[in-house]
Amino acid sequence: LPFIYGINSDPARNKRYPFCSSYYWDEKS
């Protein structure tokens, strides 16, 4: 999905991951 719809296509987060969860790091890197 990140490759089909684009890595930056997730409206709720900065980047699209396979599994949604809370990440404790820089999400823009």
mmCIF file of all heavy atoms, coordinates in Angstrom:
data_MODEL
# 
_entry.id   MODEL 
# 
loop_
_atom_site.group_PDB 
_atom_site.id 
_atom_site.type_symbol 
_atom_site.label_atom_id 
_atom_site.label_alt_id 
_atom_site.label_comp_id 
_atom_site.label_asym_id 
_atom_site.label_entity_id 
_atom_site.label_seq_id 
_atom_site.pdbx_PDB_ins_code 
_atom_site.Cartn_x 
_atom_site.Cartn_y 
_atom_site.Cartn_z 
_atom_site.occupancy 
_atom_site.B_iso_or_equiv 
_atom_site.pdbx_formal_charge 
_atom_site.auth_seq_id 
_atom_site.auth_comp_id 
_atom_site.auth_asym_id 
_atom_site.auth_atom_id 
_atom_site.pdbx_PDB_model_num 
ATOM 1   N N   . LEU A 1 1  ? 0.799  -1.227 0.000  1.00 0.00 ? 1  LEU A N   1 
ATOM 2   C CA  . LEU A 1 1  ? 0.000  0.000  0.000  1.00 0.00 ? 1  LEU A CA  1 
ATOM 3   C C   . LEU A 1 1  ? 0.834  1.280  0.000  1.00 0.00 ? 1  LEU A C   1 
ATOM 4   O O   . LEU A 1 1  ? 0.501  2.222  -0.715 1.00 0.00 ? 1  LEU A O   1 
ATOM 5   C CB  . LEU A 1 1  ? -0.981 0.001  1.169  1.00 0.00 ? 1  LEU A CB  1 
ATOM 6   C CG  . LEU A 1 1  ? -2.146 -0.976 1.058  1.00 0.00 ? 1  LEU A CG  1 
ATOM 7   C CD1 . LEU A 1 1  ? -3.015 -0.896 2.296  1.00 0.00 ? 1  LEU A CD1 1 
ATOM 8   C CD2 . LEU A 1 1  ? -2.958 -0.707 -0.179 1.00 0.00 ? 1  LEU A CD2 1 
ATOM 9   N N   . PRO A 1 2  ? 1.926  1.370  0.761  1.00 0.00 ? 2  PRO A N   1 
ATOM 10  C CA  . PRO A 1 2  ? 2.725  2.604  0.669  1.00 0.00 ? 2  PRO A CA  1 
ATOM 11  C C   . PRO A 1 2  ? 3.291  2.836  -0.733 1.00 0.00 ? 2  PRO A C   1 
ATOM 12  O O   . PRO A 1 2  ? 3.456  3.973  -1.146 1.00 0.00 ? 2  PRO A O   1 
ATOM 13  C CB  . PRO A 1 2  ? 3.847  2.380  1.684  1.00 0.00 ? 2  PRO A CB  1 
ATOM 14  C CG  . PRO A 1 2  ? 3.281  1.437  2.666  1.00 0.00 ? 2  PRO A CG  1 
ATOM 15  C CD  . PRO A 1 2  ? 2.399  0.531  1.867  1.00 0.00 ? 2  PRO A CD  1 
ATOM 16  N N   . PHE A 1 3  ? 3.576  1.768  -1.453 1.00 0.00 ? 3  PHE A N   1 
ATOM 17  C CA  . PHE A 1 3  ? 4.114  1.930  -2.799 1.00 0.00 ? 3  PHE A CA  1 
ATOM 18  C C   . PHE A 1 3  ? 3.010  2.186  -3.819 1.00 0.00 ? 3  PHE A C   1 
ATOM 19  O O   . PHE A 1 3  ? 3.241  2.821  -4.839 1.00 0.00 ? 3  PHE A O   1 
ATOM 20  C CB  . PHE A 1 3  ? 4.927  0.701  -3.189 1.00 0.00 ? 3  PHE A CB  1 
ATOM 21  C CG  . PHE A 1 3  ? 6.089  0.466  -2.277 1.00 0.00 ? 3  PHE A CG  1 
ATOM 22  C CD1 . PHE A 1 3  ? 6.096  -0.605 -1.403 1.00 0.00 ? 3  PHE A CD1 1 
ATOM 23  C CD2 . PHE A 1 3  ? 7.168  1.335  -2.259 1.00 0.00 ? 3  PHE A CD2 1 
ATOM 24  C CE1 . PHE A 1 3  ? 7.157  -0.821 -0.556 1.00 0.00 ? 3  PHE A CE1 1 
ATOM 25  C CE2 . PHE A 1 3  ? 8.236  1.134  -1.413 1.00 0.00 ? 3  PHE A CE2 1 
ATOM 26  C CZ  . PHE A 1 3  ? 8.231  0.055  -0.545 1.00 0.00 ? 3  PHE A CZ  1 
ATOM 27  N N   . ILE A 1 4  ? 1.814  1.683  -3.556 1.00 0.00 ? 4  ILE A N   1 
ATOM 28  C CA  . ILE A 1 4  ? 0.692  1.879  -4.481 1.00 0.00 ? 4  ILE A CA  1 
ATOM 29  C C   . ILE A 1 4  ? 0.111  3.284  -4.328 1.00 0.00 ? 4  ILE A C   1 
ATOM 30  O O   . ILE A 1 4  ? -0.058 4.010  -5.301 1.00 0.00 ? 4  ILE A O   1 
ATOM 31  C CB  . ILE A 1 4  ? -0.396 0.814  -4.234 1.00 0.00 ? 4  ILE A CB  1 
ATOM 32  C CG1 . ILE A 1 4  ? 0.136  -0.566 -4.620 1.00 0.00 ? 4  ILE A CG1 1 
ATOM 33  C CG2 . ILE A 1 4  ? -1.652 1.139  -5.034 1.00 0.00 ? 4  ILE A CG2 1 
ATOM 34  C CD1 . ILE A 1 4  ? -0.778 -1.714 -4.239 1.00 0.00 ? 4  ILE A CD1 1 
ATOM 35  N N   . TYR A 1 5  ? -0.205 3.655  -3.095 1.00 0.00 ? 5  TYR A N   1 
ATOM 36  C CA  . TYR A 1 5  ? -0.862 4.937  -2.858 1.00 0.00 ? 5  TYR A CA  1 
ATOM 37  C C   . TYR A 1 5  ? 0.118  6.067  -2.540 1.00 0.00 ? 5  TYR A C   1 
ATOM 38  O O   . TYR A 1 5  ? -0.269 7.216  -2.458 1.00 0.00 ? 5  TYR A O   1 
ATOM 39  C CB  . TYR A 1 5  ? -1.884 4.806  -1.732 1.00 0.00 ? 5  TYR A CB  1 
ATOM 40  C CG  . TYR A 1 5  ? -3.027 3.918  -2.106 1.00 0.00 ? 5  TYR A CG  1 
ATOM 41  C CD1 . TYR A 1 5  ? -3.170 2.663  -1.544 1.00 0.00 ? 5  TYR A CD1 1 
ATOM 42  C CD2 . TYR A 1 5  ? -3.964 4.324  -3.049 1.00 0.00 ? 5  TYR A CD2 1 
ATOM 43  C CE1 . TYR A 1 5  ? -4.221 1.837  -1.903 1.00 0.00 ? 5  TYR A CE1 1 
ATOM 44  C CE2 . TYR A 1 5  ? -5.011 3.515  -3.410 1.00 0.00 ? 5  TYR A CE2 1 
ATOM 45  C CZ  . TYR A 1 5  ? -5.137 2.276  -2.842 1.00 0.00 ? 5  TYR A CZ  1 
ATOM 46  O OH  . TYR A 1 5  ? -6.169 1.460  -3.204 1.00 0.00 ? 5  TYR A OH  1 
ATOM 47  N N   . GLY A 1 6  ? 1.351  5.730  -2.311 1.00 0.00 ? 6  GLY A N   1 
ATOM 48  C CA  . GLY A 1 6  ? 2.354  6.742  -1.978 1.00 0.00 ? 6  GLY A CA  1 
ATOM 49  C C   . GLY A 1 6  ? 2.707  6.692  -0.505 1.00 0.00 ? 6  GLY A C   1 
ATOM 50  O O   . GLY A 1 6  ? 1.855  6.457  0.346  1.00 0.00 ? 6  GLY A O   1 
ATOM 51  N N   . ILE A 1 7  ? 3.962  6.912  -0.222 1.00 0.00 ? 7  ILE A N   1 
ATOM 52  C CA  . ILE A 1 7  ? 4.443  6.837  1.157  1.00 0.00 ? 7  ILE A CA  1 
ATOM 53  C C   . ILE A 1 7  ? 3.815  7.937  2.002  1.00 0.00 ? 7  ILE A C   1 
ATOM 54  O O   . ILE A 1 7  ? 3.452  7.732  3.152  1.00 0.00 ? 7  ILE A O   1 
ATOM 55  C CB  . ILE A 1 7  ? 5.982  6.915  1.185  1.00 0.00 ? 7  ILE A CB  1 
ATOM 56  C CG1 . ILE A 1 7  ? 6.572  5.666  0.522  1.00 0.00 ? 7  ILE A CG1 1 
ATOM 57  C CG2 . ILE A 1 7  ? 6.500  7.058  2.601  1.00 0.00 ? 7  ILE A CG2 1 
ATOM 58  C CD1 . ILE A 1 7  ? 8.061  5.725  0.326  1.00 0.00 ? 7  ILE A CD1 1 
ATOM 59  N N   . ASN A 1 8  ? 3.644  9.115  1.453  1.00 0.00 ? 8  ASN A N   1 
ATOM 60  C CA  . ASN A 1 8  ? 3.130  10.256 2.207  1.00 0.00 ? 8  ASN A CA  1 
ATOM 61  C C   . ASN A 1 8  ? 1.628  10.432 2.052  1.00 0.00 ? 8  ASN A C   1 
ATOM 62  O O   . ASN A 1 8  ? 1.114  11.526 2.209  1.00 0.00 ? 8  ASN A O   1 
ATOM 63  C CB  . ASN A 1 8  ? 3.854  11.534 1.770  1.00 0.00 ? 8  ASN A CB  1 
ATOM 64  C CG  . ASN A 1 8  ? 5.331  11.479 2.089  1.00 0.00 ? 8  ASN A CG  1 
ATOM 65  O OD1 . ASN A 1 8  ? 5.723  10.947 3.117  1.00 0.00 ? 8  ASN A OD1 1 
ATOM 66  N ND2 . ASN A 1 8  ? 6.142  11.992 1.194  1.00 0.00 ? 8  ASN A ND2 1 
ATOM 67  N N   . SER A 1 9  ? 0.889  9.366  1.739  1.00 0.00 ? 9  SER A N   1 
ATOM 68  C CA  . SER A 1 9  ? -0.544 9.495  1.457  1.00 0.00 ? 9  SER A CA  1 
ATOM 69  C C   . SER A 1 9  ? -1.439 9.247  2.659  1.00 0.00 ? 9  SER A C   1 
ATOM 70  O O   . SER A 1 9  ? -2.650 9.353  2.543  1.00 0.00 ? 9  SER A O   1 
ATOM 71  C CB  . SER A 1 9  ? -0.934 8.528  0.347  1.00 0.00 ? 9  SER A CB  1 
ATOM 72  O OG  . SER A 1 9  ? -0.747 7.194  0.785  1.00 0.00 ? 9  SER A OG  1 
ATOM 73  N N   . ASP A 1 10 ? -0.872 8.905  3.794  1.00 0.00 ? 10 ASP A N   1 
ATOM 74  C CA  . ASP A 1 10 ? -1.696 8.647  4.974  1.00 0.00 ? 10 ASP A CA  1 
ATOM 75  C C   . ASP A 1 10 ? -2.135 9.982  5.584  1.00 0.00 ? 10 ASP A C   1 
ATOM 76  O O   . ASP A 1 10 ? -1.295 10.784 6.000  1.00 0.00 ? 10 ASP A O   1 
ATOM 77  C CB  . ASP A 1 10 ? -0.900 7.834  6.000  1.00 0.00 ? 10 ASP A CB  1 
ATOM 78  C CG  . ASP A 1 10 ? -1.759 7.295  7.121  1.00 0.00 ? 10 ASP A CG  1 
ATOM 79  O OD1 . ASP A 1 10 ? -2.967 7.599  7.149  1.00 0.00 ? 10 ASP A OD1 1 
ATOM 80  O OD2 . ASP A 1 10 ? -1.217 6.562  7.961  1.00 0.00 ? 10 ASP A OD2 1 
ATOM 81  N N   . PRO A 1 11 ? -3.455 10.236 5.651  1.00 0.00 ? 11 PRO A N   1 
ATOM 82  C CA  . PRO A 1 11 ? -3.899 11.536 6.170  1.00 0.00 ? 11 PRO A CA  1 
ATOM 83  C C   . PRO A 1 11 ? -3.697 11.687 7.672  1.00 0.00 ? 11 PRO A C   1 
ATOM 84  O O   . PRO A 1 11 ? -3.547 12.803 8.167  1.00 0.00 ? 11 PRO A O   1 
ATOM 85  C CB  . PRO A 1 11 ? -5.384 11.573 5.810  1.00 0.00 ? 11 PRO A CB  1 
ATOM 86  C CG  . PRO A 1 11 ? -5.785 10.151 5.635  1.00 0.00 ? 11 PRO A CG  1 
ATOM 87  C CD  . PRO A 1 11 ? -4.560 9.413  5.187  1.00 0.00 ? 11 PRO A CD  1 
ATOM 88  N N   . ALA A 1 12 ? -3.674 10.601 8.407  1.00 0.00 ? 12 ALA A N   1 
ATOM 89  C CA  . ALA A 1 12 ? -3.559 10.690 9.862  1.00 0.00 ? 12 ALA A CA  1 
ATOM 90  C C   . ALA A 1 12 ? -2.111 10.789 10.331 1.00 0.00 ? 12 ALA A C   1 
ATOM 91  O O   . ALA A 1 12 ? -1.830 11.301 11.405 1.00 0.00 ? 12 ALA A O   1 
ATOM 92  C CB  . ALA A 1 12 ? -4.221 9.489  10.516 1.00 0.00 ? 12 ALA A CB  1 
ATOM 93  N N   . ARG A 1 13 ? -1.182 10.287 9.537  1.00 0.00 ? 13 ARG A N   1 
ATOM 94  C CA  . ARG A 1 13 ? 0.230  10.289 9.920  1.00 0.00 ? 13 ARG A CA  1 
ATOM 95  C C   . ARG A 1 13 ? 1.042  10.935 8.811  1.00 0.00 ? 13 ARG A C   1 
ATOM 96  O O   . ARG A 1 13 ? 0.563  11.175 7.718  1.00 0.00 ? 13 ARG A O   1 
ATOM 97  C CB  . ARG A 1 13 ? 0.703  8.859  10.154 1.00 0.00 ? 13 ARG A CB  1 
ATOM 98  C CG  . ARG A 1 13 ? 0.050  8.229  11.344 1.00 0.00 ? 13 ARG A CG  1 
ATOM 99  C CD  . ARG A 1 13 ? 0.543  6.795  11.493 1.00 0.00 ? 13 ARG A CD  1 
ATOM 100 N NE  . ARG A 1 13 ? 0.229  6.264  12.785 1.00 0.00 ? 13 ARG A NE  1 
ATOM 101 C CZ  . ARG A 1 13 ? -0.995 5.986  13.209 1.00 0.00 ? 13 ARG A CZ  1 
ATOM 102 N NH1 . ARG A 1 13 ? -2.019 6.233  12.459 1.00 0.00 ? 13 ARG A NH1 1 
ATOM 103 N NH2 . ARG A 1 13 ? -1.197 5.470  14.397 1.00 0.00 ? 13 ARG A NH2 1 
ATOM 104 N N   . ASN A 1 14 ? 2.286  11.151 9.073  1.00 0.00 ? 14 ASN A N   1 
ATOM 105 C CA  . ASN A 1 14 ? 3.147  11.723 8.044  1.00 0.00 ? 14 ASN A CA  1 
ATOM 106 C C   . ASN A 1 14 ? 3.476  10.719 6.951  1.00 0.00 ? 14 ASN A C   1 
ATOM 107 O O   . ASN A 1 14 ? 3.549  11.056 5.783  1.00 0.00 ? 14 ASN A O   1 
ATOM 108 C CB  . ASN A 1 14 ? 4.447  12.238 8.670  1.00 0.00 ? 14 ASN A CB  1 
ATOM 109 C CG  . ASN A 1 14 ? 4.203  13.451 9.532  1.00 0.00 ? 14 ASN A CG  1 
ATOM 110 O OD1 . ASN A 1 14 ? 3.273  14.206 9.283  1.00 0.00 ? 14 ASN A OD1 1 
ATOM 111 N ND2 . ASN A 1 14 ? 5.032  13.637 10.542 1.00 0.00 ? 14 ASN A ND2 1 
ATOM 112 N N   . LYS A 1 15 ? 3.671  9.462  7.343  1.00 0.00 ? 15 LYS A N   1 
ATOM 113 C CA  . LYS A 1 15 ? 4.022  8.422  6.370  1.00 0.00 ? 15 LYS A CA  1 
ATOM 114 C C   . LYS A 1 15 ? 3.127  7.212  6.589  1.00 0.00 ? 15 LYS A C   1 
ATOM 115 O O   . LYS A 1 15 ? 2.666  6.950  7.680  1.00 0.00 ? 15 LYS A O   1 
ATOM 116 C CB  . LYS A 1 15 ? 5.490  8.032  6.522  1.00 0.00 ? 15 LYS A CB  1 
ATOM 117 C CG  . LYS A 1 15 ? 6.443  9.176  6.232  1.00 0.00 ? 15 LYS A CG  1 
ATOM 118 C CD  . LYS A 1 15 ? 7.859  8.702  6.158  1.00 0.00 ? 15 LYS A CD  1 
ATOM 119 C CE  . LYS A 1 15 ? 8.827  9.821  5.938  1.00 0.00 ? 15 LYS A CE  1 
ATOM 120 N NZ  . LYS A 1 15 ? 8.784  10.395 4.634  1.00 0.00 ? 15 LYS A NZ  1 
ATOM 121 N N   . ARG A 1 16 ? 2.911  6.458  5.520  1.00 0.00 ? 16 ARG A N   1 
ATOM 122 C CA  . ARG A 1 16 ? 2.036  5.277  5.574  1.00 0.00 ? 16 ARG A CA  1 
ATOM 123 C C   . ARG A 1 16 ? 2.873  4.051  5.949  1.00 0.00 ? 16 ARG A C   1 
ATOM 124 O O   . ARG A 1 16 ? 3.873  3.744  5.307  1.00 0.00 ? 16 ARG A O   1 
ATOM 125 C CB  . ARG A 1 16 ? 1.371  5.061  4.221  1.00 0.00 ? 16 ARG A CB  1 
ATOM 126 C CG  . ARG A 1 16 ? 0.375  3.921  4.223  1.00 0.00 ? 16 ARG A CG  1 
ATOM 127 C CD  . ARG A 1 16 ? -0.264 3.745  2.867  1.00 0.00 ? 16 ARG A CD  1 
ATOM 128 N NE  . ARG A 1 16 ? -1.160 4.821  2.524  1.00 0.00 ? 16 ARG A NE  1 
ATOM 129 C CZ  . ARG A 1 16 ? -2.461 4.844  2.799  1.00 0.00 ? 16 ARG A CZ  1 
ATOM 130 N NH1 . ARG A 1 16 ? -3.005 3.830  3.434  1.00 0.00 ? 16 ARG A NH1 1 
ATOM 131 N NH2 . ARG A 1 16 ? -3.214 5.858  2.449  1.00 0.00 ? 16 ARG A NH2 1 
ATOM 132 N N   . TYR A 1 17 ? 2.422  3.350  6.994  1.00 0.00 ? 17 TYR A N   1 
ATOM 133 C CA  . TYR A 1 17 ? 3.054  2.112  7.442  1.00 0.00 ? 17 TYR A CA  1 
ATOM 134 C C   . TYR A 1 17 ? 2.088  0.950  7.208  1.00 0.00 ? 17 TYR A C   1 
ATOM 135 O O   . TYR A 1 17 ? 0.873  1.150  7.149  1.00 0.00 ? 17 TYR A O   1 
ATOM 136 C CB  . TYR A 1 17 ? 3.373  2.173  8.946  1.00 0.00 ? 17 TYR A CB  1 
ATOM 137 C CG  . TYR A 1 17 ? 4.515  3.079  9.302  1.00 0.00 ? 17 TYR A CG  1 
ATOM 138 C CD1 . TYR A 1 17 ? 4.288  4.398  9.661  1.00 0.00 ? 17 TYR A CD1 1 
ATOM 139 C CD2 . TYR A 1 17 ? 5.812  2.617  9.286  1.00 0.00 ? 17 TYR A CD2 1 
ATOM 140 C CE1 . TYR A 1 17 ? 5.331  5.234  9.999  1.00 0.00 ? 17 TYR A CE1 1 
ATOM 141 C CE2 . TYR A 1 17 ? 6.868  3.445  9.620  1.00 0.00 ? 17 TYR A CE2 1 
ATOM 142 C CZ  . TYR A 1 17 ? 6.622  4.750  9.974  1.00 0.00 ? 17 TYR A CZ  1 
ATOM 143 O OH  . TYR A 1 17 ? 7.655  5.565  10.299 1.00 0.00 ? 17 TYR A OH  1 
ATOM 144 N N   . PRO A 1 18 ? 2.603  -0.293 7.112  1.00 0.00 ? 18 PRO A N   1 
ATOM 145 C CA  . PRO A 1 18 ? 1.686  -1.434 6.992  1.00 0.00 ? 18 PRO A CA  1 
ATOM 146 C C   . PRO A 1 18 ? 0.779  -1.585 8.211  1.00 0.00 ? 18 PRO A C   1 
ATOM 147 O O   . PRO A 1 18 ? -0.401 -1.859 8.077  1.00 0.00 ? 18 PRO A O   1 
ATOM 148 C CB  . PRO A 1 18 ? 2.617  -2.634 6.857  1.00 0.00 ? 18 PRO A CB  1 
ATOM 149 C CG  . PRO A 1 18 ? 3.905  -2.088 6.362  1.00 0.00 ? 18 PRO A CG  1 
ATOM 150 C CD  . PRO A 1 18 ? 3.994  -0.700 6.931  1.00 0.00 ? 18 PRO A CD  1 
ATOM 151 N N   . PHE A 1 19 ? 1.313  -1.406 9.411  1.00 0.00 ? 19 PHE A N   1 
ATOM 152 C CA  . PHE A 1 19 ? 0.533  -1.519 10.635 1.00 0.00 ? 19 PHE A CA  1 
ATOM 153 C C   . PHE A 1 19 ? 0.519  -0.164 11.332 1.00 0.00 ? 19 PHE A C   1 
ATOM 154 O O   . PHE A 1 19 ? 1.572  0.409  11.602 1.00 0.00 ? 19 PHE A O   1 
ATOM 155 C CB  . PHE A 1 19 ? 1.130  -2.570 11.581 1.00 0.00 ? 19 PHE A CB  1 
ATOM 156 C CG  . PHE A 1 19 ? 1.213  -3.934 10.976 1.00 0.00 ? 19 PHE A CG  1 
ATOM 157 C CD1 . PHE A 1 19 ? 2.438  -4.477 10.629 1.00 0.00 ? 19 PHE A CD1 1 
ATOM 158 C CD2 . PHE A 1 19 ? 0.073  -4.671 10.724 1.00 0.00 ? 19 PHE A CD2 1 
ATOM 159 C CE1 . PHE A 1 19 ? 2.516  -5.730 10.053 1.00 0.00 ? 19 PHE A CE1 1 
ATOM 160 C CE2 . PHE A 1 19 ? 0.140  -5.917 10.149 1.00 0.00 ? 19 PHE A CE2 1 
ATOM 161 C CZ  . PHE A 1 19 ? 1.363  -6.450 9.811  1.00 0.00 ? 19 PHE A CZ  1 
ATOM 162 N N   . CYS A 1 20 ? -0.671 0.316  11.610 1.00 0.00 ? 20 CYS A N   1 
ATOM 163 C CA  . CYS A 1 20 ? -0.793 1.608  12.283 1.00 0.00 ? 20 CYS A CA  1 
ATOM 164 C C   . CYS A 1 20 ? -0.562 1.427  13.780 1.00 0.00 ? 20 CYS A C   1 
ATOM 165 O O   . CYS A 1 20 ? -1.131 0.540  14.402 1.00 0.00 ? 20 CYS A O   1 
ATOM 166 C CB  . CYS A 1 20 ? -2.183 2.192  12.050 1.00 0.00 ? 20 CYS A CB  1 
ATOM 167 S SG  . CYS A 1 20 ? -2.475 2.616  10.343 1.00 0.00 ? 20 CYS A SG  1 
ATOM 168 N N   . SER A 1 21 ? 0.267  2.253  14.323 1.00 0.00 ? 21 SER A N   1 
ATOM 169 C CA  . SER A 1 21 ? 0.492  2.265  15.762 1.00 0.00 ? 21 SER A CA  1 
ATOM 170 C C   . SER A 1 21 ? 1.147  3.594  16.107 1.00 0.00 ? 21 SER A C   1 
ATOM 171 O O   . SER A 1 21 ? 1.400  4.418  15.237 1.00 0.00 ? 21 SER A O   1 
ATOM 172 C CB  . SER A 1 21 ? 1.368  1.088  16.195 1.00 0.00 ? 21 SER A CB  1 
ATOM 173 O OG  . SER A 1 21 ? 2.656  1.225  15.673 1.00 0.00 ? 21 SER A OG  1 
ATOM 174 N N   . SER A 1 22 ? 1.417  3.780  17.359 1.00 0.00 ? 22 SER A N   1 
ATOM 175 C CA  . SER A 1 22 ? 2.068  5.004  17.797 1.00 0.00 ? 22 SER A CA  1 
ATOM 176 C C   . SER A 1 22 ? 3.573  4.787  17.789 1.00 0.00 ? 22 SER A C   1 
ATOM 177 O O   . SER A 1 22 ? 4.070  3.790  18.347 1.00 0.00 ? 22 SER A O   1 
ATOM 178 C CB  . SER A 1 22 ? 1.600  5.348  19.207 1.00 0.00 ? 22 SER A CB  1 
ATOM 179 O OG  . SER A 1 22 ? 2.218  6.529  19.638 1.00 0.00 ? 22 SER A OG  1 
ATOM 180 N N   . TYR A 1 23 ? 4.304  5.667  17.148 1.00 0.00 ? 23 TYR A N   1 
ATOM 181 C CA  . TYR A 1 23 ? 5.749  5.526  17.027 1.00 0.00 ? 23 TYR A CA  1 
ATOM 182 C C   . TYR A 1 23 ? 6.432  6.607  17.839 1.00 0.00 ? 23 TYR A C   1 
ATOM 183 O O   . TYR A 1 23 ? 6.004  7.760  17.839 1.00 0.00 ? 23 TYR A O   1 
ATOM 184 C CB  . TYR A 1 23 ? 6.166  5.608  15.556 1.00 0.00 ? 23 TYR A CB  1 
ATOM 185 C CG  . TYR A 1 23 ? 5.524  4.536  14.725 1.00 0.00 ? 23 TYR A CG  1 
ATOM 186 C CD1 . TYR A 1 23 ? 4.477  4.830  13.870 1.00 0.00 ? 23 TYR A CD1 1 
ATOM 187 C CD2 . TYR A 1 23 ? 5.954  3.229  14.830 1.00 0.00 ? 23 TYR A CD2 1 
ATOM 188 C CE1 . TYR A 1 23 ? 3.865  3.836  13.123 1.00 0.00 ? 23 TYR A CE1 1 
ATOM 189 C CE2 . TYR A 1 23 ? 5.355  2.225  14.089 1.00 0.00 ? 23 TYR A CE2 1 
ATOM 190 C CZ  . TYR A 1 23 ? 4.316  2.536  13.243 1.00 0.00 ? 23 TYR A CZ  1 
ATOM 191 O OH  . TYR A 1 23 ? 3.718  1.550  12.526 1.00 0.00 ? 23 TYR A OH  1 
ATOM 192 N N   . TYR A 1 24 ? 7.501  6.243  18.524 1.00 0.00 ? 24 TYR A N   1 
ATOM 193 C CA  . TYR A 1 24 ? 8.203  7.159  19.417 1.00 0.00 ? 24 TYR A CA  1 
ATOM 194 C C   . TYR A 1 24 ? 9.494  7.670  18.791 1.00 0.00 ? 24 TYR A C   1 
ATOM 195 O O   . TYR A 1 24 ? 10.505 7.766  19.432 1.00 0.00 ? 24 TYR A O   1 
ATOM 196 C CB  . TYR A 1 24 ? 8.519  6.458  20.737 1.00 0.00 ? 24 TYR A CB  1 
ATOM 197 C CG  . TYR A 1 24 ? 7.286  5.974  21.442 1.00 0.00 ? 24 TYR A CG  1 
ATOM 198 C CD1 . TYR A 1 24 ? 6.960  4.628  21.446 1.00 0.00 ? 24 TYR A CD1 1 
ATOM 199 C CD2 . TYR A 1 24 ? 6.428  6.858  22.072 1.00 0.00 ? 24 TYR A CD2 1 
ATOM 200 C CE1 . TYR A 1 24 ? 5.811  4.182  22.082 1.00 0.00 ? 24 TYR A CE1 1 
ATOM 201 C CE2 . TYR A 1 24 ? 5.276  6.422  22.702 1.00 0.00 ? 24 TYR A CE2 1 
ATOM 202 C CZ  . TYR A 1 24 ? 4.982  5.078  22.696 1.00 0.00 ? 24 TYR A CZ  1 
ATOM 203 O OH  . TYR A 1 24 ? 3.843  4.648  23.321 1.00 0.00 ? 24 TYR A OH  1 
ATOM 204 N N   . TRP A 1 25 ? 9.460  7.966  17.514 1.00 0.00 ? 25 TRP A N   1 
ATOM 205 C CA  . TRP A 1 25 ? 10.638 8.483  16.845 1.00 0.00 ? 25 TRP A CA  1 
ATOM 206 C C   . TRP A 1 25 ? 10.214 9.522  15.818 1.00 0.00 ? 25 TRP A C   1 
ATOM 207 O O   . TRP A 1 25 ? 9.043  9.757  15.603 1.00 0.00 ? 25 TRP A O   1 
ATOM 208 C CB  . TRP A 1 25 ? 11.451 7.365  16.195 1.00 0.00 ? 25 TRP A CB  1 
ATOM 209 C CG  . TRP A 1 25 ? 10.650 6.517  15.254 1.00 0.00 ? 25 TRP A CG  1 
ATOM 210 C CD1 . TRP A 1 25 ? 10.224 6.874  14.012 1.00 0.00 ? 25 TRP A CD1 1 
ATOM 211 C CD2 . TRP A 1 25 ? 10.175 5.210  15.471 1.00 0.00 ? 25 TRP A CD2 1 
ATOM 212 N NE1 . TRP A 1 25 ? 9.522  5.865  13.441 1.00 0.00 ? 25 TRP A NE1 1 
ATOM 213 C CE2 . TRP A 1 25 ? 9.466  4.808  14.321 1.00 0.00 ? 25 TRP A CE2 1 
ATOM 214 C CE3 . TRP A 1 25 ? 10.279 4.314  16.523 1.00 0.00 ? 25 TRP A CE3 1 
ATOM 215 C CZ2 . TRP A 1 25 ? 8.872  3.573  14.197 1.00 0.00 ? 25 TRP A CZ2 1 
ATOM 216 C CZ3 . TRP A 1 25 ? 9.686  3.089  16.388 1.00 0.00 ? 25 TRP A CZ3 1 
ATOM 217 C CH2 . TRP A 1 25 ? 8.994  2.725  15.240 1.00 0.00 ? 25 TRP A CH2 1 
ATOM 218 N N   . ASP A 1 26 ? 11.199 10.063 15.194 1.00 0.00 ? 26 ASP A N   1 
ATOM 219 C CA  . ASP A 1 26 ? 10.956 11.097 14.188 1.00 0.00 ? 26 ASP A CA  1 
ATOM 220 C C   . ASP A 1 26 ? 10.282 10.460 12.975 1.00 0.00 ? 26 ASP A C   1 
ATOM 221 O O   . ASP A 1 26 ? 10.896 9.675  12.254 1.00 0.00 ? 26 ASP A O   1 
ATOM 222 C CB  . ASP A 1 26 ? 12.289 11.739 13.785 1.00 0.00 ? 26 ASP A CB  1 
ATOM 223 C CG  . ASP A 1 26 ? 12.109 12.835 12.757 1.00 0.00 ? 26 ASP A CG  1 
ATOM 224 O OD1 . ASP A 1 26 ? 10.979 13.340 12.607 1.00 0.00 ? 26 ASP A OD1 1 
ATOM 225 O OD2 . ASP A 1 26 ? 13.103 13.188 12.109 1.00 0.00 ? 26 ASP A OD2 1 
ATOM 226 N N   . GLU A 1 27 ? 9.009  10.770 12.779 1.00 0.00 ? 27 GLU A N   1 
ATOM 227 C CA  . GLU A 1 27 ? 8.255  10.168 11.683 1.00 0.00 ? 27 GLU A CA  1 
ATOM 228 C C   . GLU A 1 27 ? 8.580  10.790 10.331 1.00 0.00 ? 27 GLU A C   1 
ATOM 229 O O   . GLU A 1 27 ? 8.156  10.278 9.303  1.00 0.00 ? 27 GLU A O   1 
ATOM 230 C CB  . GLU A 1 27 ? 6.756  10.287 11.952 1.00 0.00 ? 27 GLU A CB  1 
ATOM 231 C CG  . GLU A 1 27 ? 6.310  9.477  13.134 1.00 0.00 ? 27 GLU A CG  1 
ATOM 232 C CD  . GLU A 1 27 ? 4.820  9.602  13.371 1.00 0.00 ? 27 GLU A CD  1 
ATOM 233 O OE1 . GLU A 1 27 ? 4.123  10.291 12.607 1.00 0.00 ? 27 GLU A OE1 1 
ATOM 234 O OE2 . GLU A 1 27 ? 4.349  8.994  14.338 1.00 0.00 ? 27 GLU A OE2 1 
ATOM 235 N N   . LYS A 1 28 ? 9.325  11.864 10.293 1.00 0.00 ? 28 LYS A N   1 
ATOM 236 C CA  . LYS A 1 28 ? 9.651  12.511 9.025  1.00 0.00 ? 28 LYS A CA  1 
ATOM 237 C C   . LYS A 1 28 ? 10.955 12.004 8.434  1.00 0.00 ? 28 LYS A C   1 
ATOM 238 O O   . LYS A 1 28 ? 11.265 12.293 7.290  1.00 0.00 ? 28 LYS A O   1 
ATOM 239 C CB  . LYS A 1 28 ? 9.706  14.026 9.225  1.00 0.00 ? 28 LYS A CB  1 
ATOM 240 C CG  . LYS A 1 28 ? 8.355  14.591 9.610  1.00 0.00 ? 28 LYS A CG  1 
ATOM 241 C CD  . LYS A 1 28 ? 8.425  16.068 9.835  1.00 0.00 ? 28 LYS A CD  1 
ATOM 242 C CE  . LYS A 1 28 ? 7.040  16.546 10.276 1.00 0.00 ? 28 LYS A CE  1 
ATOM 243 N NZ  . LYS A 1 28 ? 7.020  17.966 10.538 1.00 0.00 ? 28 LYS A NZ  1 
ATOM 244 N N   . SER A 1 29 ? 11.730 11.242 9.172  1.00 0.00 ? 29 SER A N   1 
ATOM 245 C CA  . SER A 1 29 ? 13.014 10.734 8.702  1.00 0.00 ? 29 SER A CA  1 
ATOM 246 C C   . SER A 1 29 ? 12.792 9.553  7.761  1.00 0.00 ? 29 SER A C   1 
ATOM 247 O O   . SER A 1 29 ? 12.092 8.594  8.090  1.00 0.00 ? 29 SER A O   1 
ATOM 248 C CB  . SER A 1 29 ? 13.870 10.303 9.885  1.00 0.00 ? 29 SER A CB  1 
ATOM 249 O OG  . SER A 1 29 ? 15.015 9.620  9.439  1.00 0.00 ? 29 SER A OG  1 
# 
